[in-house]
Amino acid sequence: MNWGLGWRIVVEPAGANEEVRSQSSFGPDAYVRSTGAAILDSNTAISFTPNGGAINRGQLTVVTAGCAGNNGHTISINAIGQVTTGELPCPTVYTEQ
């Protein structure tokens, strides 16, 4: 799932699908992906209960073209709804641009 293409934030009270905010594409130089065992996508959306717990948990990877060193980032969502971030080495495909 390429989150770099954009996303929507919606509130779903009683089945209503009210859009709160949206983000269009970051362009071709952005890499925002969810991979691994817990993929977050349109079928497994990032969702929270009214009390803040995560309905789905997973991780996003965020890097840009020209990224070098440990300037890649992760955004992780755990079962209790806690959002944490971390650094990771930039993928070779982005350090060579």
C-alpha atoms as a PDB file:
ATOM      1  CA  MET A   1       0.000   0.000   0.000  1.00  0.00           C
ATOM      2  CA  ASN A   2       1.475   3.341  -1.053  1.00  0.00           C
ATOM      3  CA  TRP A   3       0.395   5.916   1.519  1.00  0.00           C
ATOM      4  CA  GLY A   4       2.422   8.476  -0.470  1.00  0.00           C
ATOM      5  CA  LEU A   5      -0.571   8.674  -2.838  1.00  0.00           C
ATOM      6  CA  GLY A   6      -2.622  10.262  -0.054  1.00  0.00           C
ATOM      7  CA  TRP A   7      -5.168   9.412   2.626  1.00  0.00           C
ATOM      8  CA  ARG A   8      -8.410  10.500   4.277  1.00  0.00           C
ATOM      9  CA  ILE A   9      -9.290  10.946   7.940  1.00  0.00           C
ATOM     10  CA  VAL A  10     -12.934  10.224   8.631  1.00  0.00           C
ATOM     11  CA  VAL A  11     -15.225  10.005  11.644  1.00  0.00           C
ATOM     12  CA  GLU A  12     -17.787   7.224  11.465  1.00  0.00           C
ATOM     13  CA  PRO A  13     -20.473   7.965  14.058  1.00  0.00           C
ATOM     14  CA  ALA A  14     -23.496   5.708  13.535  1.00  0.00           C
ATOM     15  CA  GLY A  15     -22.417   4.819   9.995  1.00  0.00           C
ATOM     16  CA  ALA A  16     -21.910   8.414   8.782  1.00  0.00           C
ATOM     17  CA  ASN A  17     -18.642   8.828   6.882  1.00  0.00           C
ATOM     18  CA  GLU A  18     -17.690  12.427   7.724  1.00  0.00           C
ATOM     19  CA  GLU A  19     -14.326  13.507   6.278  1.00  0.00           C
ATOM     20  CA  VAL A  20     -12.264  15.491   8.781  1.00  0.00           C
ATOM     21  CA  ARG A  21      -9.109  15.914   6.703  1.00  0.00           C
ATOM     22  CA  SER A  22      -7.457  14.592   3.562  1.00  0.00           C
ATOM     23  CA  GLN A  23      -3.925  14.599   2.174  1.00  0.00           C
ATOM     24  CA  SER A  24      -3.262  14.294  -1.528  1.00  0.00           C
ATOM     25  CA  SER A  25      -0.118  12.774  -3.012  1.00  0.00           C
ATOM     26  CA  PHE A  26       3.297  13.875  -1.771  1.00  0.00           C
ATOM     27  CA  GLY A  27       4.618  13.411  -5.322  1.00  0.00           C
ATOM     28  CA  PRO A  28       6.995  10.892  -6.871  1.00  0.00           C
ATOM     29  CA  ASP A  29       9.841  11.495  -4.401  1.00  0.00           C
ATOM     30  CA  ALA A  30       7.894  10.331  -1.349  1.00  0.00           C
ATOM     31  CA  TYR A  31       7.874   6.763  -0.108  1.00  0.00           C
ATOM     32  CA  VAL A  32       5.252   6.055   2.551  1.00  0.00           C
ATOM     33  CA  ARG A  33       4.494   2.346   2.719  1.00  0.00           C
ATOM     34  CA  SER A  34       3.042  -0.277   4.984  1.00  0.00           C
ATOM     35  CA  THR A  35       4.651  -3.695   4.613  1.00  0.00           C
ATOM     36  CA  GLY A  36       5.161  -6.822   6.642  1.00  0.00           C
ATOM     37  CA  ALA A  37       2.743  -9.002   8.568  1.00  0.00           C
ATOM     38  CA  ALA A  38       0.376  -6.192   9.621  1.00  0.00           C
ATOM     39  CA  ILE A  39      -0.221  -4.169   6.442  1.00  0.00           C
ATOM     40  CA  LEU A  40      -2.276  -1.019   6.909  1.00  0.00           C
ATOM     41  CA  ASP A  41      -4.299  -0.319   3.755  1.00  0.00           C
ATOM     42  CA  SER A  42      -7.839   0.461   2.600  1.00  0.00           C
ATOM     43  CA  ASN A  43      -8.954  -3.007   3.760  1.00  0.00           C
ATOM     44  CA  THR A  44      -7.116  -2.783   7.095  1.00  0.00           C
ATOM     45  CA  ALA A  45      -7.383   0.927   7.814  1.00  0.00           C
ATOM     46  CA  ILE A  46      -5.708   2.765  10.652  1.00  0.00           C
ATOM     47  CA  SER A  47      -8.665   2.942  13.025  1.00  0.00           C
ATOM     48  CA  PHE A  48      -9.166   3.703  16.690  1.00  0.00           C
ATOM     49  CA  THR A  49     -11.932   2.938  19.188  1.00  0.00           C
ATOM     50  CA  PRO A  50     -13.679   5.836  20.981  1.00  0.00           C
ATOM     51  CA  ASN A  51     -11.374   5.123  23.958  1.00  0.00           C
ATOM     52  CA  GLY A  52      -8.228   5.437  21.809  1.00  0.00           C
ATOM     53  CA  GLY A  53      -7.301   1.766  21.373  1.00  0.00           C
ATOM     54  CA  ALA A  54      -6.144   0.636  17.940  1.00  0.00           C
ATOM     55  CA  ILE A  55      -8.537  -1.487  15.915  1.00  0.00           C
ATOM     56  CA  ASN A  56      -5.695  -2.393  13.550  1.00  0.00           C
ATOM     57  CA  ARG A  57      -2.022  -2.147  14.377  1.00  0.00           C
ATOM     58  CA  GLY A  58       0.951  -1.948  12.038  1.00  0.00           C
ATOM     59  CA  GLN A  59       3.826   0.149  10.792  1.00  0.00           C
ATOM     60  CA  LEU A  60       4.472   2.752   8.096  1.00  0.00           C
ATOM     61  CA  THR A  61       7.890   3.432   6.550  1.00  0.00           C
ATOM     62  CA  VAL A  62       8.609   7.010   5.454  1.00  0.00           C
ATOM     63  CA  VAL A  63      11.574   8.083   3.273  1.00  0.00           C
ATOM     64  CA  THR A  64      12.189  10.523   0.419  1.00  0.00           C
ATOM     65  CA  ALA A  65      14.373  10.568  -2.680  1.00  0.00           C
ATOM     66  CA  GLY A  66      17.954  11.466  -1.801  1.00  0.00           C
ATOM     67  CA  CYS A  67      17.581  10.047   1.696  1.00  0.00           C
ATOM     68  CA  ALA A  68      20.946   9.110   3.235  1.00  0.00           C
ATOM     69  CA  GLY A  69      22.104   7.507   6.461  1.00  0.00           C
ATOM     70  CA  ASN A  70      19.565   6.835   9.203  1.00  0.00           C
ATOM     71  CA  ASN A  71      17.101   9.437   7.921  1.00  0.00           C
ATOM     72  CA  GLY A  72      14.304   7.033   7.110  1.00  0.00           C
ATOM     73  CA  HIS A  73      11.499   6.841   9.657  1.00  0.00           C
ATOM     74  CA  THR A  74       8.915   4.400  10.931  1.00  0.00           C
ATOM     75  CA  ILE A  75       5.525   5.158  12.440  1.00  0.00           C
ATOM     76  CA  SER A  76       4.194   2.257  14.503  1.00  0.00           C
ATOM     77  CA  ILE A  77       0.728   1.817  15.998  1.00  0.00           C
ATOM     78  CA  ASN A  78       0.414  -0.759  18.775  1.00  0.00           C
ATOM     79  CA  ALA A  79      -2.671  -2.509  20.181  1.00  0.00           C
ATOM     80  CA  ILE A  80      -3.383   0.123  22.843  1.00  0.00           C
ATOM     81  CA  GLY A  81      -3.336   2.894  20.209  1.00  0.00           C
ATOM     82  CA  GLN A  82       0.095   4.243  21.112  1.00  0.00           C
ATOM     83  CA  VAL A  83       1.869   5.791  18.123  1.00  0.00           C
ATOM     84  CA  THR A  84       5.670   5.642  18.217  1.00  0.00           C
ATOM     85  CA  THR A  85       8.334   6.681  15.733  1.00  0.00           C
ATOM     86  CA  GLY A  86      11.807   5.445  14.980  1.00  0.00           C
ATOM     87  CA  GLU A  87      14.712   5.871  12.592  1.00  0.00           C
ATOM     88  CA  LEU A  88      15.946   3.394  10.007  1.00  0.00           C
ATOM     89  CA  PRO A  89      18.611   3.311   7.303  1.00  0.00           C
ATOM     90  CA  CYS A  90      17.430   4.735   3.989  1.00  0.00           C
ATOM     91  CA  PRO A  91      16.782   2.051   1.355  1.00  0.00           C
ATOM     92  CA  THR A  92      19.490   1.904  -1.334  1.00  0.00           C
ATOM     93  CA  VAL A  93      17.016   2.804  -4.070  1.00  0.00           C
ATOM     94  CA  TYR A  94      16.592   6.241  -2.429  1.00  0.00           C
ATOM     95  CA  THR A  95      20.231   6.914  -1.518  1.00  0.00           C
ATOM     96  CA  GLU A  96      21.280   6.504  -5.163  1.00  0.00           C
ATOM     97  CA  GLN A  97      19.010   9.276  -6.496  1.00  0.00           C
END
